[in-house]
PDB file of N, CA and C in Angstrom:
ATOM      1  N   MET A   1     -18.978  21.641   0.788  1.00  0.00           N
ATOM      2  CA  MET A   1     -18.195  21.294  -0.379  1.00  0.00           C
ATOM      3  C   MET A   1     -16.732  21.686  -0.193  1.00  0.00           C
ATOM      4  N   GLY A   2     -16.497  22.861   0.383  1.00  0.00           N
ATOM      5  CA  GLY A   2     -15.139  23.313   0.634  1.00  0.00           C
ATOM      6  C   GLY A   2     -14.394  22.404   1.586  1.00  0.00           C
ATOM      7  N   ALA A   3     -15.117  21.862   2.570  1.00  0.00           N
ATOM      8  CA  ALA A   3     -14.493  20.945   3.535  1.00  0.00           C
ATOM      9  C   ALA A   3     -14.049  19.666   2.842  1.00  0.00           C
ATOM     10  N   VAL A   4     -14.835  19.187   1.893  1.00  0.00           N
ATOM     11  CA  VAL A   4     -14.489  17.974   1.154  1.00  0.00           C
ATOM     12  C   VAL A   4     -13.234  18.209   0.314  1.00  0.00           C
ATOM     13  N   ILE A   5     -13.181  19.338  -0.372  1.00  0.00           N
ATOM     14  CA  ILE A   5     -12.016  19.668  -1.196  1.00  0.00           C
ATOM     15  C   ILE A   5     -10.776  19.799  -0.324  1.00  0.00           C
ATOM     16  N   SER A   6     -10.921  20.452   0.820  1.00  0.00           N
ATOM     17  CA  SER A   6      -9.802  20.616   1.746  1.00  0.00           C
ATOM     18  C   SER A   6      -9.313  19.252   2.245  1.00  0.00           C
ATOM     19  N   ARG A   7     -10.249  18.358   2.577  1.00  0.00           N
ATOM     20  CA  ARG A   7      -9.880  17.018   3.043  1.00  0.00           C
ATOM     21  C   ARG A   7      -9.158  16.258   1.953  1.00  0.00           C
ATOM     22  N   ILE A   8      -9.638  16.359   0.727  1.00  0.00           N
ATOM     23  CA  ILE A   8      -8.999  15.656  -0.384  1.00  0.00           C
ATOM     24  C   ILE A   8      -7.591  16.195  -0.614  1.00  0.00           C
ATOM     25  N   GLN A   9      -7.418  17.515  -0.524  1.00  0.00           N
ATOM     26  CA  GLN A   9      -6.088  18.100  -0.685  1.00  0.00           C
ATOM     27  C   GLN A   9      -5.153  17.627   0.423  1.00  0.00           C
ATOM     28  N   THR A  10      -5.668  17.566   1.647  1.00  0.00           N
ATOM     29  CA  THR A  10      -4.871  17.088   2.776  1.00  0.00           C
ATOM     30  C   THR A  10      -4.505  15.625   2.580  1.00  0.00           C
ATOM     31  N   ASP A  11      -5.495  14.813   2.182  1.00  0.00           N
ATOM     32  CA  ASP A  11      -5.240  13.388   1.953  1.00  0.00           C
ATOM     33  C   ASP A  11      -4.237  13.185   0.819  1.00  0.00           C
ATOM     34  N   THR A  12      -4.357  13.971  -0.245  1.00  0.00           N
ATOM     35  CA  THR A  12      -3.434  13.849  -1.372  1.00  0.00           C
ATOM     36  C   THR A  12      -2.017  14.212  -0.938  1.00  0.00           C
ATOM     37  N   ALA A  13      -1.887  15.251  -0.143  1.00  0.00           N
ATOM     38  CA  ALA A  13      -0.562  15.631   0.359  1.00  0.00           C
ATOM     39  C   ALA A  13       0.014  14.511   1.223  1.00  0.00           C
ATOM     40  N   LYS A  14      -0.831  13.886   2.043  1.00  0.00           N
ATOM     41  CA  LYS A  14      -0.379  12.766   2.882  1.00  0.00           C
ATOM     42  C   LYS A  14       0.029  11.585   2.008  1.00  0.00           C
ATOM     43  N   LEU A  15      -0.755  11.316   0.961  1.00  0.00           N
ATOM     44  CA  LEU A  15      -0.412  10.229   0.047  1.00  0.00           C
ATOM     45  C   LEU A  15       0.950  10.470  -0.603  1.00  0.00           C
ATOM     46  N   GLU A  16       1.186  11.689  -1.042  1.00  0.00           N
ATOM     47  CA  GLU A  16       2.477  12.019  -1.659  1.00  0.00           C
ATOM     48  C   GLU A  16       3.618  11.852  -0.657  1.00  0.00           C
ATOM     49  N   SER A  17       3.383  12.294   0.570  1.00  0.00           N
ATOM     50  CA  SER A  17       4.394  12.154   1.621  1.00  0.00           C
ATOM     51  C   SER A  17       4.656  10.675   1.916  1.00  0.00           C
ATOM     52  N   ASP A  18       3.580   9.894   2.044  1.00  0.00           N
ATOM     53  CA  ASP A  18       3.719   8.452   2.285  1.00  0.00           C
ATOM     54  C   ASP A  18       4.467   7.783   1.133  1.00  0.00           C
ATOM     55  N   ARG A  19       4.169   8.210  -0.078  1.00  0.00           N
ATOM     56  CA  ARG A  19       4.813   7.653  -1.264  1.00  0.00           C
ATOM     57  C   ARG A  19       6.321   7.904  -1.216  1.00  0.00           C
ATOM     58  N   GLN A  20       6.714   9.129  -0.882  1.00  0.00           N
ATOM     59  CA  GLN A  20       8.137   9.461  -0.809  1.00  0.00           C
ATOM     60  C   GLN A  20       8.842   8.659   0.286  1.00  0.00           C
ATOM     61  N   GLU A  21       8.185   8.529   1.448  1.00  0.00           N
ATOM     62  CA  GLU A  21       8.765   7.741   2.540  1.00  0.00           C
ATOM     63  C   GLU A  21       8.926   6.282   2.139  1.00  0.00           C
ATOM     64  N   LEU A  22       7.920   5.740   1.449  1.00  0.00           N
ATOM     65  CA  LEU A  22       8.004   4.347   1.004  1.00  0.00           C
ATOM     66  C   LEU A  22       9.130   4.147  -0.003  1.00  0.00           C
ATOM     67  N   LEU A  23       9.289   5.084  -0.925  1.00  0.00           N
ATOM     68  CA  LEU A  23      10.365   4.969  -1.907  1.00  0.00           C
ATOM     69  C   LEU A  23      11.725   4.943  -1.227  1.00  0.00           C
ATOM     70  N   ILE A  24      11.911   5.790  -0.242  1.00  0.00           N
ATOM     71  CA  ILE A  24      13.180   5.822   0.501  1.00  0.00           C
ATOM     72  C   ILE A  24      13.381   4.513   1.258  1.00  0.00           C
ATOM     73  N   ARG A  25      12.321   4.052   1.922  1.00  0.00           N
ATOM     74  CA  ARG A  25      12.417   2.799   2.691  1.00  0.00           C
ATOM     75  C   ARG A  25      12.710   1.617   1.772  1.00  0.00           C
ATOM     76  N   LEU A  26      12.038   1.580   0.620  1.00  0.00           N
ATOM     77  CA  LEU A  26      12.288   0.498  -0.337  1.00  0.00           C
ATOM     78  C   LEU A  26      13.725   0.515  -0.831  1.00  0.00           C
ATOM     79  N   GLU A  27      14.230   1.691  -1.101  1.00  0.00           N
ATOM     80  CA  GLU A  27      15.611   1.813  -1.568  1.00  0.00           C
ATOM     81  C   GLU A  27      16.593   1.253  -0.533  1.00  0.00           C
ATOM     82  N   HIS A  28      16.356   1.580   0.732  1.00  0.00           N
ATOM     83  CA  HIS A  28      17.230   1.085   1.810  1.00  0.00           C
ATOM     84  C   HIS A  28      17.121  -0.434   1.953  1.00  0.00           C
ATOM     85  N   LEU A  29      15.895  -0.959   1.911  1.00  0.00           N
ATOM     86  CA  LEU A  29      15.714  -2.400   2.049  1.00  0.00           C
ATOM     87  C   LEU A  29      16.321  -3.161   0.880  1.00  0.00           C
ATOM     88  N   GLN A  30      16.179  -2.626  -0.319  1.00  0.00           N
ATOM     89  CA  GLN A  30      16.768  -3.281  -1.487  1.00  0.00           C
ATOM     90  C   GLN A  30      18.286  -3.274  -1.399  1.00  0.00           C
ATOM     91  N   ALA A  31      18.858  -2.181  -0.920  1.00  0.00           N
ATOM     92  CA  ALA A  31      20.306  -2.124  -0.732  1.00  0.00           C
ATOM     93  C   ALA A  31      20.747  -3.141   0.323  1.00  0.00           C
ATOM     94  N   GLU A  32      19.965  -3.245   1.391  1.00  0.00           N
ATOM     95  CA  GLU A  32      20.279  -4.218   2.439  1.00  0.00           C
ATOM     96  C   GLU A  32      20.203  -5.647   1.901  1.00  0.00           C
ATOM     97  N   LEU A  33      19.181  -5.913   1.089  1.00  0.00           N
ATOM     98  CA  LEU A  33      19.029  -7.242   0.502  1.00  0.00           C
ATOM     99  C   LEU A  33      20.212  -7.567  -0.400  1.00  0.00           C
ATOM    100  N   HIS A  34      20.640  -6.611  -1.210  1.00  0.00           N
ATOM    101  CA  HIS A  34      21.767  -6.837  -2.114  1.00  0.00           C
ATOM    102  C   HIS A  34      23.088  -6.971  -1.365  1.00  0.00           C
ATOM    103  N   SER A  35      23.163  -6.407  -0.164  1.00  0.00           N
ATOM    104  CA  SER A  35      24.412  -6.483   0.590  1.00  0.00           C
ATOM    105  C   SER A  35      24.617  -7.837   1.263  1.00  0.00           C
ATOM    106  N   LEU A  36      23.535  -8.604   1.403  1.00  0.00           N
ATOM    107  CA  LEU A  36      23.696  -9.932   1.999  1.00  0.00           C
ATOM    108  C   LEU A  36      24.458 -10.818   1.017  1.00  0.00           C
ATOM    109  N   ALA A  37      25.447 -11.503   1.535  1.00  0.00           N
ATOM    110  CA  ALA A  37      26.296 -12.342   0.685  1.00  0.00           C
ATOM    111  C   ALA A  37      25.498 -13.508   0.122  1.00  0.00           C
ATOM    112  N   GLU A  38      25.757 -13.828  -1.131  1.00  0.00           N
ATOM    113  CA  GLU A  38      25.148 -14.999  -1.745  1.00  0.00           C
ATOM    114  C   GLU A  38      25.917 -16.239  -1.266  1.00  0.00           C
ATOM    115  N   PRO A  39      25.207 -17.236  -0.793  1.00  0.00           N
ATOM    116  CA  PRO A  39      25.890 -18.434  -0.290  1.00  0.00           C
ATOM    117  C   PRO A  39      26.427 -19.296  -1.437  1.00  0.00           C
ATOM    118  N   THR A  40      27.479 -20.039  -1.138  1.00  0.00           N
ATOM    119  CA  THR A  40      27.974 -21.018  -2.105  1.00  0.00           C
ATOM    120  C   THR A  40      27.235 -22.317  -1.863  1.00  0.00           C
ATOM    121  N   ALA A  41      27.338 -23.238  -2.785  1.00  0.00           N
ATOM    122  CA  ALA A  41      26.627 -24.512  -2.679  1.00  0.00           C
ATOM    123  C   ALA A  41      27.104 -25.315  -1.469  1.00  0.00           C
ATOM    124  N   ASP A  42      28.323 -25.092  -1.042  1.00  0.00           N
ATOM    125  CA  ASP A  42      28.887 -25.863   0.061  1.00  0.00           C
ATOM    126  C   ASP A  42      28.570 -25.261   1.436  1.00  0.00           C
ATOM    127  N   GLU A  43      28.079 -24.043   1.456  1.00  0.00           N
ATOM    128  CA  GLU A  43      27.840 -23.366   2.732  1.00  0.00           C
ATOM    129  C   GLU A  43      26.390 -23.508   3.166  1.00  0.00           C
ATOM    130  N   ILE A  44      26.205 -23.531   4.465  1.00  0.00           N
ATOM    131  CA  ILE A  44      24.862 -23.444   5.021  1.00  0.00           C
ATOM    132  C   ILE A  44      24.508 -21.972   5.004  1.00  0.00           C
ATOM    133  N   ASP A  45      23.374 -21.668   4.463  1.00  0.00           N
ATOM    134  CA  ASP A  45      22.993 -20.270   4.301  1.00  0.00           C
ATOM    135  C   ASP A  45      22.336 -19.739   5.570  1.00  0.00           C
ATOM    136  N   ALA A  46      23.148 -19.128   6.404  1.00  0.00           N
ATOM    137  CA  ALA A  46      22.640 -18.556   7.653  1.00  0.00           C
ATOM    138  C   ALA A  46      21.798 -17.314   7.395  1.00  0.00           C
ATOM    139  N   ASP A  47      21.969 -16.679   6.248  1.00  0.00           N
ATOM    140  CA  ASP A  47      21.237 -15.451   5.939  1.00  0.00           C
ATOM    141  C   ASP A  47      19.949 -15.700   5.150  1.00  0.00           C
ATOM    142  N   ALA A  48      19.615 -16.949   4.884  1.00  0.00           N
ATOM    143  CA  ALA A  48      18.428 -17.243   4.066  1.00  0.00           C
ATOM    144  C   ALA A  48      17.160 -16.664   4.700  1.00  0.00           C
ATOM    145  N   TYR A  49      17.021 -16.840   5.999  1.00  0.00           N
ATOM    146  CA  TYR A  49      15.831 -16.322   6.679  1.00  0.00           C
ATOM    147  C   TYR A  49      15.765 -14.805   6.544  1.00  0.00           C
ATOM    148  N   GLU A  50      16.898 -14.153   6.743  1.00  0.00           N
ATOM    149  CA  GLU A  50      16.936 -12.689   6.652  1.00  0.00           C
ATOM    150  C   GLU A  50      16.591 -12.220   5.236  1.00  0.00           C
ATOM    151  N   ARG A  51      17.115 -12.916   4.221  1.00  0.00           N
ATOM    152  CA  ARG A  51      16.797 -12.553   2.836  1.00  0.00           C
ATOM    153  C   ARG A  51      15.308 -12.737   2.549  1.00  0.00           C
ATOM    154  N   GLU A  52      14.746 -13.832   2.997  1.00  0.00           N
ATOM    155  CA  GLU A  52      13.317 -14.094   2.776  1.00  0.00           C
ATOM    156  C   GLU A  52      12.451 -13.039   3.475  1.00  0.00           C
ATOM    157  N   LYS A  53      12.845 -12.686   4.683  1.00  0.00           N
ATOM    158  CA  LYS A  53      12.110 -11.664   5.433  1.00  0.00           C
ATOM    159  C   LYS A  53      12.184 -10.319   4.711  1.00  0.00           C
ATOM    160  N   LEU A  54      13.355  -9.942   4.260  1.00  0.00           N
ATOM    161  CA  LEU A  54      13.522  -8.680   3.528  1.00  0.00           C
ATOM    162  C   LEU A  54      12.721  -8.700   2.226  1.00  0.00           C
ATOM    163  N   TRP A  55      12.764  -9.826   1.517  1.00  0.00           N
ATOM    164  CA  TRP A  55      12.038  -9.925   0.260  1.00  0.00           C
ATOM    165  C   TRP A  55      10.529  -9.780   0.482  1.00  0.00           C
ATOM    166  N   ALA A  56      10.013 -10.415   1.528  1.00  0.00           N
ATOM    167  CA  ALA A  56       8.582 -10.309   1.840  1.00  0.00           C
ATOM    168  C   ALA A  56       8.210  -8.871   2.196  1.00  0.00           C
ATOM    169  N   LEU A  57       9.045  -8.198   2.945  1.00  0.00           N
ATOM    170  CA  LEU A  57       8.792  -6.806   3.321  1.00  0.00           C
ATOM    171  C   LEU A  57       8.832  -5.895   2.093  1.00  0.00           C
ATOM    172  N   ILE A  58       9.805  -6.113   1.229  1.00  0.00           N
ATOM    173  CA  ILE A  58       9.902  -5.321   0.003  1.00  0.00           C
ATOM    174  C   ILE A  58       8.657  -5.519  -0.861  1.00  0.00           C
ATOM    175  N   THR A  59       8.225  -6.752  -1.008  1.00  0.00           N
ATOM    176  CA  THR A  59       7.036  -7.050  -1.810  1.00  0.00           C
ATOM    177  C   THR A  59       5.805  -6.372  -1.224  1.00  0.00           C
ATOM    178  N   SER A  60       5.673  -6.431   0.080  1.00  0.00           N
ATOM    179  CA  SER A  60       4.535  -5.787   0.752  1.00  0.00           C
ATOM    180  C   SER A  60       4.554  -4.272   0.539  1.00  0.00           C
ATOM    181  N   LEU A  61       5.718  -3.670   0.677  1.00  0.00           N
ATOM    182  CA  LEU A  61       5.836  -2.225   0.485  1.00  0.00           C
ATOM    183  C   LEU A  61       5.593  -1.826  -0.968  1.00  0.00           C
ATOM    184  N   GLN A  62       5.997  -2.681  -1.901  1.00  0.00           N
ATOM    185  CA  GLN A  62       5.739  -2.393  -3.313  1.00  0.00           C
ATOM    186  C   GLN A  62       4.238  -2.399  -3.601  1.00  0.00           C
ATOM    187  N   HIS A  63       3.510  -3.339  -2.985  1.00  0.00           N
ATOM    188  CA  HIS A  63       2.054  -3.372  -3.155  1.00  0.00           C
ATOM    189  C   HIS A  63       1.413  -2.119  -2.564  1.00  0.00           C
ATOM    190  N   LYS A  64       1.907  -1.704  -1.412  1.00  0.00           N
ATOM    191  CA  LYS A  64       1.374  -0.488  -0.791  1.00  0.00           C
ATOM    192  C   LYS A  64       1.675   0.730  -1.658  1.00  0.00           C
ATOM    193  N   LEU A  65       2.856   0.767  -2.234  1.00  0.00           N
ATOM    194  CA  LEU A  65       3.238   1.865  -3.127  1.00  0.00           C
ATOM    195  C   LEU A  65       2.310   1.917  -4.346  1.00  0.00           C
ATOM    196  N   GLU A  66       1.969   0.762  -4.883  1.00  0.00           N
ATOM    197  CA  GLU A  66       1.027   0.709  -6.004  1.00  0.00           C
ATOM    198  C   GLU A  66      -0.342   1.245  -5.582  1.00  0.00           C
ATOM    199  N   SER A  67      -0.792   0.873  -4.383  1.00  0.00           N
ATOM    200  CA  SER A  67      -2.086   1.346  -3.877  1.00  0.00           C
ATOM    201  C   SER A  67      -2.084   2.863  -3.711  1.00  0.00           C
ATOM    202  N   ILE A  68      -0.998   3.385  -3.200  1.00  0.00           N
ATOM    203  CA  ILE A  68      -0.890   4.836  -3.020  1.00  0.00           C
ATOM    204  C   ILE A  68      -0.892   5.528  -4.382  1.00  0.00           C
ATOM    205  N   GLY A  69      -0.169   4.980  -5.341  1.00  0.00           N
ATOM    206  CA  GLY A  69      -0.153   5.546  -6.685  1.00  0.00           C
ATOM    207  C   GLY A  69      -1.543   5.553  -7.306  1.00  0.00           C
ATOM    208  N   HIS A  70      -2.287   4.477  -7.088  1.00  0.00           N
ATOM    209  CA  HIS A  70      -3.660   4.394  -7.601  1.00  0.00           C
ATOM    210  C   HIS A  70      -4.542   5.454  -6.941  1.00  0.00           C
ATOM    211  N   ALA A  71      -4.396   5.625  -5.641  1.00  0.00           N
ATOM    212  CA  ALA A  71      -5.193   6.634  -4.928  1.00  0.00           C
ATOM    213  C   ALA A  71      -4.848   8.044  -5.421  1.00  0.00           C
ATOM    214  N   ILE A  72      -3.587   8.298  -5.699  1.00  0.00           N
ATOM    215  CA  ILE A  72      -3.183   9.605  -6.230  1.00  0.00           C
ATOM    216  C   ILE A  72      -3.822   9.833  -7.602  1.00  0.00           C
ATOM    217  N   GLN A  73      -3.850   8.797  -8.427  1.00  0.00           N
ATOM    218  CA  GLN A  73      -4.509   8.915  -9.738  1.00  0.00           C
ATOM    219  C   GLN A  73      -5.994   9.219  -9.580  1.00  0.00           C
ATOM    220  N   LEU A  74      -6.641   8.578  -8.597  1.00  0.00           N
ATOM    221  CA  LEU A  74      -8.056   8.841  -8.346  1.00  0.00           C
ATOM    222  C   LEU A  74      -8.261  10.294  -7.933  1.00  0.00           C
ATOM    223  N   ALA A  75      -7.350  10.814  -7.119  1.00  0.00           N
ATOM    224  CA  ALA A  75      -7.457  12.217  -6.702  1.00  0.00           C
ATOM    225  C   ALA A  75      -7.328  13.136  -7.916  1.00  0.00           C
ATOM    226  N   GLU A  76      -6.442  12.786  -8.826  1.00  0.00           N
ATOM    227  CA  GLU A  76      -6.246  13.607 -10.022  1.00  0.00           C
ATOM    228  C   GLU A  76      -7.468  13.593 -10.939  1.00  0.00           C
ATOM    229  N   THR A  77      -8.216  12.486 -10.928  1.00  0.00           N
ATOM    230  CA  THR A  77      -9.404  12.384 -11.779  1.00  0.00           C
ATOM    231  C   THR A  77     -10.672  12.835 -11.065  1.00  0.00           C
ATOM    232  N   GLY A  78     -10.534  13.188  -9.772  1.00  0.00           N
ATOM    233  CA  GLY A  78     -11.692  13.670  -9.024  1.00  0.00           C
ATOM    234  C   GLY A  78     -12.556  12.582  -8.425  1.00  0.00           C
ATOM    235  N   THR A  79     -12.070  11.349  -8.393  1.00  0.00           N
ATOM    236  CA  THR A  79     -12.870  10.257  -7.823  1.00  0.00           C
ATOM    237  C   THR A  79     -12.282   9.715  -6.524  1.00  0.00           C
ATOM    238  N   TYR A  80     -11.318  10.421  -5.968  1.00  0.00           N
ATOM    239  CA  TYR A  80     -10.739   9.996  -4.686  1.00  0.00           C
ATOM    240  C   TYR A  80     -11.799  10.097  -3.594  1.00  0.00           C
ATOM    241  N   GLY A  81     -11.837   9.090  -2.731  1.00  0.00           N
ATOM    242  CA  GLY A  81     -12.797   9.088  -1.628  1.00  0.00           C
ATOM    243  C   GLY A  81     -14.130   8.479  -1.999  1.00  0.00           C
ATOM    244  N   ILE A  82     -14.235   7.970  -3.223  1.00  0.00           N
ATOM    245  CA  ILE A  82     -15.448   7.299  -3.687  1.00  0.00           C
ATOM    246  C   ILE A  82     -15.130   5.811  -3.818  1.00  0.00           C
ATOM    247  N   CYS A  83     -15.969   4.975  -3.228  1.00  0.00           N
ATOM    248  CA  CYS A  83     -15.760   3.526  -3.278  1.00  0.00           C
ATOM    249  C   CYS A  83     -15.758   3.061  -4.734  1.00  0.00           C
ATOM    250  N   GLN A  84     -14.754   2.314  -5.099  1.00  0.00           N
ATOM    251  CA  GLN A  84     -14.617   1.820  -6.467  1.00  0.00           C
ATOM    252  C   GLN A  84     -15.641   0.740  -6.802  1.00  0.00           C
ATOM    253  N   ARG A  85     -16.290   0.216  -5.772  1.00  0.00           N
ATOM    254  CA  ARG A  85     -17.244  -0.873  -5.991  1.00  0.00           C
ATOM    255  C   ARG A  85     -18.689  -0.393  -5.991  1.00  0.00           C
ATOM    256  N   CYS A  86     -19.070   0.349  -4.945  1.00  0.00           N
ATOM    257  CA  CYS A  86     -20.484   0.743  -4.807  1.00  0.00           C
ATOM    258  C   CYS A  86     -20.731   2.218  -5.105  1.00  0.00           C
ATOM    259  N   GLN A  87     -19.664   2.960  -5.352  1.00  0.00           N
ATOM    260  CA  GLN A  87     -19.735   4.376  -5.719  1.00  0.00           C
ATOM    261  C   GLN A  87     -20.248   5.298  -4.610  1.00  0.00           C
ATOM    262  N   THR A  88     -20.232   4.840  -3.355  1.00  0.00           N
ATOM    263  CA  THR A  88     -20.603   5.715  -2.245  1.00  0.00           C
ATOM    264  C   THR A  88     -19.345   6.373  -1.688  1.00  0.00           C
ATOM    265  N   GLU A  89     -19.537   7.417  -0.902  1.00  0.00           N
ATOM    266  CA  GLU A  89     -18.392   8.109  -0.300  1.00  0.00           C
ATOM    267  C   GLU A  89     -17.766   7.225   0.770  1.00  0.00           C
ATOM    268  N   ILE A  90     -16.447   7.144   0.743  1.00  0.00           N
ATOM    269  CA  ILE A  90     -15.715   6.407   1.777  1.00  0.00           C
ATOM    270  C   ILE A  90     -15.671   7.289   3.016  1.00  0.00           C
ATOM    271  N   ASP A  91     -15.929   6.700   4.169  1.00  0.00           N
ATOM    272  CA  ASP A  91     -15.933   7.437   5.427  1.00  0.00           C
ATOM    273  C   ASP A  91     -14.610   8.186   5.593  1.00  0.00           C
ATOM    274  N   PRO A  92     -14.673   9.501   5.834  1.00  0.00           N
ATOM    275  CA  PRO A  92     -13.446  10.286   6.016  1.00  0.00           C
ATOM    276  C   PRO A  92     -12.541   9.738   7.132  1.00  0.00           C
ATOM    277  N   ALA A  93     -13.114   9.145   8.160  1.00  0.00           N
ATOM    278  CA  ALA A  93     -12.301   8.566   9.234  1.00  0.00           C
ATOM    279  C   ALA A  93     -11.478   7.395   8.699  1.00  0.00           C
ATOM    280  N   ARG A  94     -12.067   6.616   7.802  1.00  0.00           N
ATOM    281  CA  ARG A  94     -11.335   5.496   7.179  1.00  0.00           C
ATOM    282  C   ARG A  94     -10.181   6.039   6.330  1.00  0.00           C
ATOM    283  N   LEU A  95     -10.455   7.100   5.560  1.00  0.00           N
ATOM    284  CA  LEU A  95      -9.402   7.686   4.725  1.00  0.00           C
ATOM    285  C   LEU A  95      -8.303   8.335   5.561  1.00  0.00           C
ATOM    286  N   GLU A  96      -8.667   8.824   6.727  1.00  0.00           N
ATOM    287  CA  GLU A  96      -7.653   9.410   7.608  1.00  0.00           C
ATOM    288  C   GLU A  96      -6.682   8.341   8.086  1.00  0.00           C
ATOM    289  N   ILE A  97      -7.215   7.162   8.382  1.00  0.00           N
ATOM    290  CA  ILE A  97      -6.389   6.052   8.856  1.00  0.00           C
ATOM    291  C   ILE A  97      -5.661   5.378   7.696  1.00  0.00           C
ATOM    292  N   LEU A  98      -6.373   5.203   6.591  1.00  0.00           N
ATOM    293  CA  LEU A  98      -5.848   4.486   5.435  1.00  0.00           C
ATOM    294  C   LEU A  98      -6.104   5.316   4.175  1.00  0.00           C
ATOM    295  N   PRO A  99      -5.292   6.355   3.940  1.00  0.00           N
ATOM    296  CA  PRO A  99      -5.578   7.290   2.850  1.00  0.00           C
ATOM    297  C   PRO A  99      -5.613   6.663   1.463  1.00  0.00           C
ATOM    298  N   HIS A 100      -5.002   5.496   1.296  1.00  0.00           N
ATOM    299  CA  HIS A 100      -5.005   4.866  -0.021  1.00  0.00           C
ATOM    300  C   HIS A 100      -6.152   3.866  -0.203  1.00  0.00           C
ATOM    301  N   ALA A 101      -7.117   3.879   0.722  1.00  0.00           N
ATOM    302  CA  ALA A 101      -8.283   2.996   0.606  1.00  0.00           C
ATOM    303  C   ALA A 101      -9.106   3.378  -0.615  1.00  0.00           C
ATOM    304  N   THR A 102      -9.529   2.371  -1.367  1.00  0.00           N
ATOM    305  CA  THR A 102     -10.366   2.622  -2.544  1.00  0.00           C
ATOM    306  C   THR A 102     -11.729   1.959  -2.409  1.00  0.00           C
ATOM    307  N   LEU A 103     -11.943   1.268  -1.305  1.00  0.00           N
ATOM    308  CA  LEU A 103     -13.227   0.632  -1.029  1.00  0.00           C
ATOM    309  C   LEU A 103     -13.752   1.116   0.310  1.00  0.00           C
ATOM    310  N   CYS A 104     -15.069   1.276   0.394  1.00  0.00           N
ATOM    311  CA  CYS A 104     -15.668   1.586   1.695  1.00  0.00           C
ATOM    312  C   CYS A 104     -15.503   0.351   2.583  1.00  0.00           C
ATOM    313  N   LEU A 105     -15.734   0.497   3.857  1.00  0.00           N
ATOM    314  CA  LEU A 105     -15.529  -0.596   4.794  1.00  0.00           C
ATOM    315  C   LEU A 105     -16.407  -1.802   4.462  1.00  0.00           C
ATOM    316  N   LYS A 106     -17.662  -1.551   4.116  1.00  0.00           N
ATOM    317  CA  LYS A 106     -18.584  -2.642   3.778  1.00  0.00           C
ATOM    318  C   LYS A 106     -18.071  -3.434   2.572  1.00  0.00           C
ATOM    319  N   CYS A 107     -17.678  -2.740   1.524  1.00  0.00           N
ATOM    320  CA  CYS A 107     -17.173  -3.414   0.325  1.00  0.00           C
ATOM    321  C   CYS A 107     -15.840  -4.100   0.585  1.00  0.00           C
ATOM    322  N   GLN A 108     -14.983  -3.492   1.427  1.00  0.00           N
ATOM    323  CA  GLN A 108     -13.696  -4.115   1.767  1.00  0.00           C
ATOM    324  C   GLN A 108     -13.926  -5.433   2.485  1.00  0.00           C
ATOM    325  N   ARG A 109     -14.862  -5.450   3.421  1.00  0.00           N
ATOM    326  CA  ARG A 109     -15.176  -6.697   4.145  1.00  0.00           C
ATOM    327  C   ARG A 109     -15.691  -7.759   3.184  1.00  0.00           C
ATOM    328  N   GLU A 110     -16.571  -7.375   2.268  1.00  0.00           N
ATOM    329  CA  GLU A 110     -17.103  -8.319   1.289  1.00  0.00           C
ATOM    330  C   GLU A 110     -15.997  -8.842   0.382  1.00  0.00           C
ATOM    331  N   PHE A 111     -15.102  -7.963  -0.052  1.00  0.00           N
ATOM    332  CA  PHE A 111     -13.973  -8.368  -0.882  1.00  0.00           C
ATOM    333  C   PHE A 111     -13.094  -9.390  -0.147  1.00  0.00           C
ATOM    334  N   GLU A 112     -12.796  -9.118   1.127  1.00  0.00           N
ATOM    335  CA  GLU A 112     -11.966 -10.032   1.911  1.00  0.00           C
ATOM    336  C   GLU A 112     -12.666 -11.368   2.129  1.00  0.00           C
ATOM    337  N   ARG A 113     -13.977 -11.342   2.353  1.00  0.00           N
ATOM    338  CA  ARG A 113     -14.747 -12.572   2.528  1.00  0.00           C
ATOM    339  C   ARG A 113     -14.699 -13.404   1.247  1.00  0.00           C
ATOM    340  N   GLN A 114     -14.868 -12.768   0.093  1.00  0.00           N
ATOM    341  CA  GLN A 114     -14.808 -13.480  -1.178  1.00  0.00           C
ATOM    342  C   GLN A 114     -13.404 -14.020  -1.434  1.00  0.00           C
ATOM    343  N   SER A 115     -12.398 -13.280  -1.060  1.00  0.00           N
ATOM    344  CA  SER A 115     -11.023 -13.743  -1.247  1.00  0.00           C
ATOM    345  C   SER A 115     -10.732 -14.977  -0.409  1.00  0.00           C
ATOM    346  N   ARG A 116     -11.244 -14.969   0.830  1.00  0.00           N
ATOM    347  CA  ARG A 116     -11.052 -16.147   1.694  1.00  0.00           C
ATOM    348  C   ARG A 116     -11.741 -17.361   1.117  1.00  0.00           C
ATOM    349  N   ARG A 117     -12.968 -17.188   0.611  1.00  0.00           N
ATOM    350  CA  ARG A 117     -13.703 -18.311   0.012  1.00  0.00           C
ATOM    351  C   ARG A 117     -12.980 -18.843  -1.207  1.00  0.00           C
ATOM    352  N   ALA A 118     -12.410 -17.961  -1.999  1.00  0.00           N
ATOM    353  CA  ALA A 118     -11.720 -18.379  -3.217  1.00  0.00           C
ATOM    354  C   ALA A 118     -10.473 -19.207  -2.888  1.00  0.00           C
ATOM    355  N   ARG A 119      -9.842 -18.935  -1.752  1.00  0.00           N
ATOM    356  CA  ARG A 119      -8.641 -19.690  -1.361  1.00  0.00           C
ATOM    357  C   ARG A 119      -8.970 -21.075  -0.845  1.00  0.00           C
ATOM    358  N   LEU A 120     -10.206 -21.288  -0.405  1.00  0.00           N
ATOM    359  CA  LEU A 120     -10.595 -22.594   0.145  1.00  0.00           C
ATOM    360  C   LEU A 120     -10.882 -23.578  -0.908  1.00  0.00           C
TER     361      LEU A 120
END
């Protein structure tokens, strides 16, 4: 039991650290995006690709930040490391690699399979 609590504390500390790093990175990317000049109607927008790339990266990081925030909330309620779908313990190795995971590997695969089917 003590090992589980220690792992959760370690994972929570990592989540907080990841959260802070993401906030800093997002701030820099948003500043970079705002620094790109807005094109006029008469100009060919050479920076359009760069803006789109930055916007996609910012959106991706914002989603990751939300996931980390959700995982931190789960840790605060004592349900961190428990699959949100099947209620089994998430493999500690999975949490070590992806500390903000809220689904066990089996449920994550099923979720992704259902998502692919829904897009077809």
